């Protein structure tokens, strides 16, 4: 006689099981999404499907990027990237309006920087135009107007 090996039952994630318990607690044994199921097997099957749907929706929502300006999830819109952070298009307009409305808080000396401006980058004097975009983000303007940047070792 040859033993019969059945395939292992699928493993149900704990999040789905917890969601099933929540559905049972809130709706009862024979109700799912407000619908009544007279057969316990059908109710169990629909409860499992509903729990899986809720968990998948929660994971999709958690995977969405958050707006760096208002901290809400960006869903159904194309994000605008400001300073390497995703932002809602409306928040980008509000940010631009805020920048334009507060010129005293912005250092106006940055407007005088050209491609030929010298920068002390990692101990070497180089031109601003020769720096890559990532390198330019590390440059700070000192109070005396000198530009100093580089990566810490």
C-alpha atoms as a PDB file:
ATOM      1  CA  UNK A   1       0.000   0.000   0.000  1.00  0.00           C
ATOM      2  CA  UNK A   2       1.404   3.397  -1.025  1.00  0.00           C
ATOM      3  CA  UNK A   3       0.827   6.377   1.278  1.00  0.00           C
ATOM      4  CA  UNK A   4      -1.090   9.244  -0.211  1.00  0.00           C
ATOM      5  CA  UNK A   5       0.411  12.658   0.330  1.00  0.00           C
ATOM      6  CA  UNK A   6      -2.035  15.488   0.045  1.00  0.00           C
ATOM      7  CA  UNK A   7      -0.836  18.982  -0.789  1.00  0.00           C
ATOM      8  CA  UNK A   8      -0.399  21.230   2.199  1.00  0.00           C
ATOM      9  CA  UNK A   9      -3.225  23.597   2.969  1.00  0.00           C
ATOM     10  CA  UNK A  10      -2.516  27.167   1.908  1.00  0.00           C
ATOM     11  CA  UNK A  11      -1.109  29.328   4.665  1.00  0.00           C
ATOM     12  CA  UNK A  12      -3.423  32.169   5.575  1.00  0.00           C
ATOM     13  CA  UNK A  13      -1.616  35.350   6.686  1.00  0.00           C
ATOM     14  CA  UNK A  14      -2.314  36.583  10.201  1.00  0.00           C
ATOM     15  CA  UNK A  15      -3.602  39.894   8.846  1.00  0.00           C
ATOM     16  CA  UNK A  16      -6.365  38.069   6.944  1.00  0.00           C
ATOM     17  CA  UNK A  17      -7.288  36.015   9.996  1.00  0.00           C
ATOM     18  CA  UNK A  18      -7.426  39.153  12.148  1.00  0.00           C
ATOM     19  CA  UNK A  19      -9.635  40.851   9.577  1.00  0.00           C
ATOM     20  CA  UNK A  20     -11.953  37.810   9.553  1.00  0.00           C
ATOM     21  CA  UNK A  21     -12.273  38.062  13.327  1.00  0.00           C
ATOM     22  CA  UNK A  22     -13.135  41.756  12.966  1.00  0.00           C
ATOM     23  CA  UNK A  23     -15.840  40.924  10.385  1.00  0.00           C
ATOM     24  CA  UNK A  24     -17.251  38.249  12.702  1.00  0.00           C
ATOM     25  CA  UNK A  25     -17.250  40.676  15.620  1.00  0.00           C
ATOM     26  CA  UNK A  26     -18.903  43.503  13.724  1.00  0.00           C
ATOM     27  CA  UNK A  27     -21.389  41.645  11.483  1.00  0.00           C
ATOM     28  CA  UNK A  28     -21.960  38.178  12.950  1.00  0.00           C
ATOM     29  CA  UNK A  29     -21.568  34.647  11.611  1.00  0.00           C
ATOM     30  CA  UNK A  30     -23.916  34.761   8.632  1.00  0.00           C
ATOM     31  CA  UNK A  31     -23.464  38.343   7.393  1.00  0.00           C
ATOM     32  CA  UNK A  32     -20.678  39.721   5.164  1.00  0.00           C
ATOM     33  CA  UNK A  33     -20.786  43.294   3.804  1.00  0.00           C
ATOM     34  CA  UNK A  34     -24.407  43.516   4.889  1.00  0.00           C
ATOM     35  CA  UNK A  35     -25.462  40.402   2.941  1.00  0.00           C
ATOM     36  CA  UNK A  36     -27.014  37.411   4.682  1.00  0.00           C
ATOM     37  CA  UNK A  37     -25.780  33.900   3.841  1.00  0.00           C
ATOM     38  CA  UNK A  38     -27.956  31.025   5.079  1.00  0.00           C
ATOM     39  CA  UNK A  39     -25.221  28.450   4.453  1.00  0.00           C
ATOM     40  CA  UNK A  40     -22.312  28.605   6.929  1.00  0.00           C
ATOM     41  CA  UNK A  41     -19.858  27.367   4.286  1.00  0.00           C
ATOM     42  CA  UNK A  42     -20.810  30.197   1.912  1.00  0.00           C
ATOM     43  CA  UNK A  43     -20.571  32.748   4.726  1.00  0.00           C
ATOM     44  CA  UNK A  44     -17.082  31.484   5.658  1.00  0.00           C
ATOM     45  CA  UNK A  45     -15.939  31.617   2.041  1.00  0.00           C
ATOM     46  CA  UNK A  46     -17.271  35.144   1.498  1.00  0.00           C
ATOM     47  CA  UNK A  47     -15.830  36.300   4.841  1.00  0.00           C
ATOM     48  CA  UNK A  48     -12.386  35.024   3.786  1.00  0.00           C
ATOM     49  CA  UNK A  49     -12.667  36.773   0.403  1.00  0.00           C
ATOM     50  CA  UNK A  50     -13.739  40.028   2.042  1.00  0.00           C
ATOM     51  CA  UNK A  51     -10.896  39.809   4.565  1.00  0.00           C
ATOM     52  CA  UNK A  52      -8.356  39.191   1.778  1.00  0.00           C
ATOM     53  CA  UNK A  53      -9.788  42.136  -0.194  1.00  0.00           C
ATOM     54  CA  UNK A  54      -9.529  44.473   2.806  1.00  0.00           C
ATOM     55  CA  UNK A  55      -5.952  43.421   3.590  1.00  0.00           C
ATOM     56  CA  UNK A  56      -4.889  43.845  -0.056  1.00  0.00           C
ATOM     57  CA  UNK A  57      -6.498  47.307  -0.185  1.00  0.00           C
ATOM     58  CA  UNK A  58      -4.741  48.296   3.049  1.00  0.00           C
ATOM     59  CA  UNK A  59      -1.364  47.126   1.661  1.00  0.00           C
ATOM     60  CA  UNK A  60      -1.923  49.028  -1.605  1.00  0.00           C
ATOM     61  CA  UNK A  61      -2.725  52.184   0.342  1.00  0.00           C
ATOM     62  CA  UNK A  62       0.364  51.755   2.518  1.00  0.00           C
ATOM     63  CA  UNK A  63       2.534  51.365  -0.592  1.00  0.00           C
ATOM     64  CA  UNK A  64       1.429  54.733  -1.999  1.00  0.00           C
ATOM     65  CA  UNK A  65       3.918  57.545  -1.492  1.00  0.00           C
ATOM     66  CA  UNK A  66       3.053  60.314   0.954  1.00  0.00           C
ATOM     67  CA  UNK A  67       3.130  63.973  -0.057  1.00  0.00           C
ATOM     68  CA  UNK A  68       6.130  65.726   1.481  1.00  0.00           C
ATOM     69  CA  UNK A  69       4.110  68.943   1.873  1.00  0.00           C
ATOM     70  CA  UNK A  70       0.749  67.853   3.362  1.00  0.00           C
ATOM     71  CA  UNK A  71       1.662  64.244   4.330  1.00  0.00           C
ATOM     72  CA  UNK A  72      -1.448  62.792   2.660  1.00  0.00           C
ATOM     73  CA  UNK A  73      -1.203  59.739   0.394  1.00  0.00           C
ATOM     74  CA  UNK A  74      -0.748  60.491  -3.307  1.00  0.00           C
ATOM     75  CA  UNK A  75      -3.259  58.316  -5.104  1.00  0.00           C
ATOM     76  CA  UNK A  76      -4.746  58.660  -8.568  1.00  0.00           C
ATOM     77  CA  UNK A  77      -2.527  61.634  -9.399  1.00  0.00           C
ATOM     78  CA  UNK A  78       0.849  62.094 -10.970  1.00  0.00           C
ATOM     79  CA  UNK A  79       3.225  63.296  -8.279  1.00  0.00           C
ATOM     80  CA  UNK A  80       5.418  66.353  -8.777  1.00  0.00           C
ATOM     81  CA  UNK A  81       8.961  65.872  -7.513  1.00  0.00           C
ATOM     82  CA  UNK A  82      10.399  68.742  -5.472  1.00  0.00           C
ATOM     83  CA  UNK A  83      13.784  68.232  -3.806  1.00  0.00           C
ATOM     84  CA  UNK A  84      13.607  64.503  -4.618  1.00  0.00           C
ATOM     85  CA  UNK A  85      10.308  64.135  -2.677  1.00  0.00           C
ATOM     86  CA  UNK A  86       6.866  63.396  -4.209  1.00  0.00           C
ATOM     87  CA  UNK A  87       4.291  66.170  -3.814  1.00  0.00           C
ATOM     88  CA  UNK A  88       0.666  66.639  -4.946  1.00  0.00           C
ATOM     89  CA  UNK A  89       0.370  69.034  -7.920  1.00  0.00           C
ATOM     90  CA  UNK A  90      -1.794  71.392  -5.825  1.00  0.00           C
ATOM     91  CA  UNK A  91       0.754  71.298  -2.994  1.00  0.00           C
ATOM     92  CA  UNK A  92       3.519  72.100  -5.487  1.00  0.00           C
ATOM     93  CA  UNK A  93       1.611  75.219  -6.538  1.00  0.00           C
ATOM     94  CA  UNK A  94       1.100  76.210  -2.886  1.00  0.00           C
ATOM     95  CA  UNK A  95       4.808  75.661  -2.242  1.00  0.00           C
ATOM     96  CA  UNK A  96       5.783  77.813  -5.246  1.00  0.00           C
ATOM     97  CA  UNK A  97       3.387  80.540  -4.066  1.00  0.00           C
ATOM     98  CA  UNK A  98       4.920  80.394  -0.592  1.00  0.00           C
ATOM     99  CA  UNK A  99       8.462  80.682  -1.986  1.00  0.00           C
ATOM    100  CA  UNK A 100       7.436  83.637  -4.160  1.00  0.00           C
ATOM    101  CA  UNK A 101       5.617  85.276  -1.218  1.00  0.00           C
ATOM    102  CA  UNK A 102       8.559  85.061   1.205  1.00  0.00           C
ATOM    103  CA  UNK A 103      11.555  86.428  -0.690  1.00  0.00           C
ATOM    104  CA  UNK A 104      13.224  87.721   2.485  1.00  0.00           C
ATOM    105  CA  UNK A 105      13.607  84.148   3.755  1.00  0.00           C
ATOM    106  CA  UNK A 106      15.422  83.027   0.603  1.00  0.00           C
ATOM    107  CA  UNK A 107      19.117  83.756   0.201  1.00  0.00           C
ATOM    108  CA  UNK A 108      19.268  86.069  -2.800  1.00  0.00           C
ATOM    109  CA  UNK A 109      23.004  85.471  -3.208  1.00  0.00           C
ATOM    110  CA  UNK A 110      22.233  82.149  -4.917  1.00  0.00           C
ATOM    111  CA  UNK A 111      20.924  84.135  -7.898  1.00  0.00           C
ATOM    112  CA  UNK A 112      24.468  85.419  -8.484  1.00  0.00           C
ATOM    113  CA  UNK A 113      25.924  81.892  -8.829  1.00  0.00           C
ATOM    114  CA  UNK A 114      26.870  81.098 -12.430  1.00  0.00           C
ATOM    115  CA  UNK A 115      28.614  78.155 -14.079  1.00  0.00           C
ATOM    116  CA  UNK A 116      31.954  79.939 -13.626  1.00  0.00           C
ATOM    117  CA  UNK A 117      31.555  80.490  -9.860  1.00  0.00           C
ATOM    118  CA  UNK A 118      34.301  78.708  -7.910  1.00  0.00           C
ATOM    119  CA  UNK A 119      33.336  76.083  -5.331  1.00  0.00           C
ATOM    120  CA  UNK A 120      35.565  74.489  -2.681  1.00  0.00           C
ATOM    121  CA  UNK A 121      34.389  70.914  -3.241  1.00  0.00           C
ATOM    122  CA  UNK A 122      36.108  68.182  -1.200  1.00  0.00           C
ATOM    123  CA  UNK A 123      39.183  70.386  -0.763  1.00  0.00           C
ATOM    124  CA  UNK A 124      39.528  71.206  -4.474  1.00  0.00           C
ATOM    125  CA  UNK A 125      38.514  74.403  -6.208  1.00  0.00           C
ATOM    126  CA  UNK A 126      36.165  73.631  -9.096  1.00  0.00           C
ATOM    127  CA  UNK A 127      33.599  75.460 -11.213  1.00  0.00           C
ATOM    128  CA  UNK A 128      29.875  75.304 -10.329  1.00  0.00           C
ATOM    129  CA  UNK A 129      29.119  74.198 -13.891  1.00  0.00           C
ATOM    130  CA  UNK A 130      31.444  71.186 -13.531  1.00  0.00           C
ATOM    131  CA  UNK A 131      29.525  69.762 -10.559  1.00  0.00           C
ATOM    132  CA  UNK A 132      26.900  67.072 -11.052  1.00  0.00           C
ATOM    133  CA  UNK A 133      23.378  67.653  -9.730  1.00  0.00           C
ATOM    134  CA  UNK A 134      24.007  65.359  -6.736  1.00  0.00           C
ATOM    135  CA  UNK A 135      27.197  67.260  -5.913  1.00  0.00           C
ATOM    136  CA  UNK A 136      25.449  70.633  -6.118  1.00  0.00           C
ATOM    137  CA  UNK A 137      22.986  69.517  -3.444  1.00  0.00           C
ATOM    138  CA  UNK A 138      25.843  69.169  -0.931  1.00  0.00           C
ATOM    139  CA  UNK A 139      27.107  72.723  -1.451  1.00  0.00           C
ATOM    140  CA  UNK A 140      26.392  75.346   1.229  1.00  0.00           C
ATOM    141  CA  UNK A 141      26.950  79.076   1.068  1.00  0.00           C
ATOM    142  CA  UNK A 142      29.002  80.422   3.950  1.00  0.00           C
ATOM    143  CA  UNK A 143      28.187  83.834   5.483  1.00  0.00           C
ATOM    144  CA  UNK A 144      31.104  85.378   3.600  1.00  0.00           C
ATOM    145  CA  UNK A 145      29.654  84.178   0.260  1.00  0.00           C
ATOM    146  CA  UNK A 146      32.054  81.265  -0.368  1.00  0.00           C
ATOM    147  CA  UNK A 147      30.606  78.021  -1.646  1.00  0.00           C
ATOM    148  CA  UNK A 148      31.794  74.902   0.191  1.00  0.00           C
ATOM    149  CA  UNK A 149      30.589  71.359  -0.375  1.00  0.00           C
ATOM    150  CA  UNK A 150      31.481  67.726  -0.506  1.00  0.00           C
ATOM    151  CA  UNK A 151      30.700  64.367   0.935  1.00  0.00           C
ATOM    152  CA  UNK A 152      31.759  63.398   4.469  1.00  0.00           C
ATOM    153  CA  UNK A 153      34.276  60.568   4.622  1.00  0.00           C
END
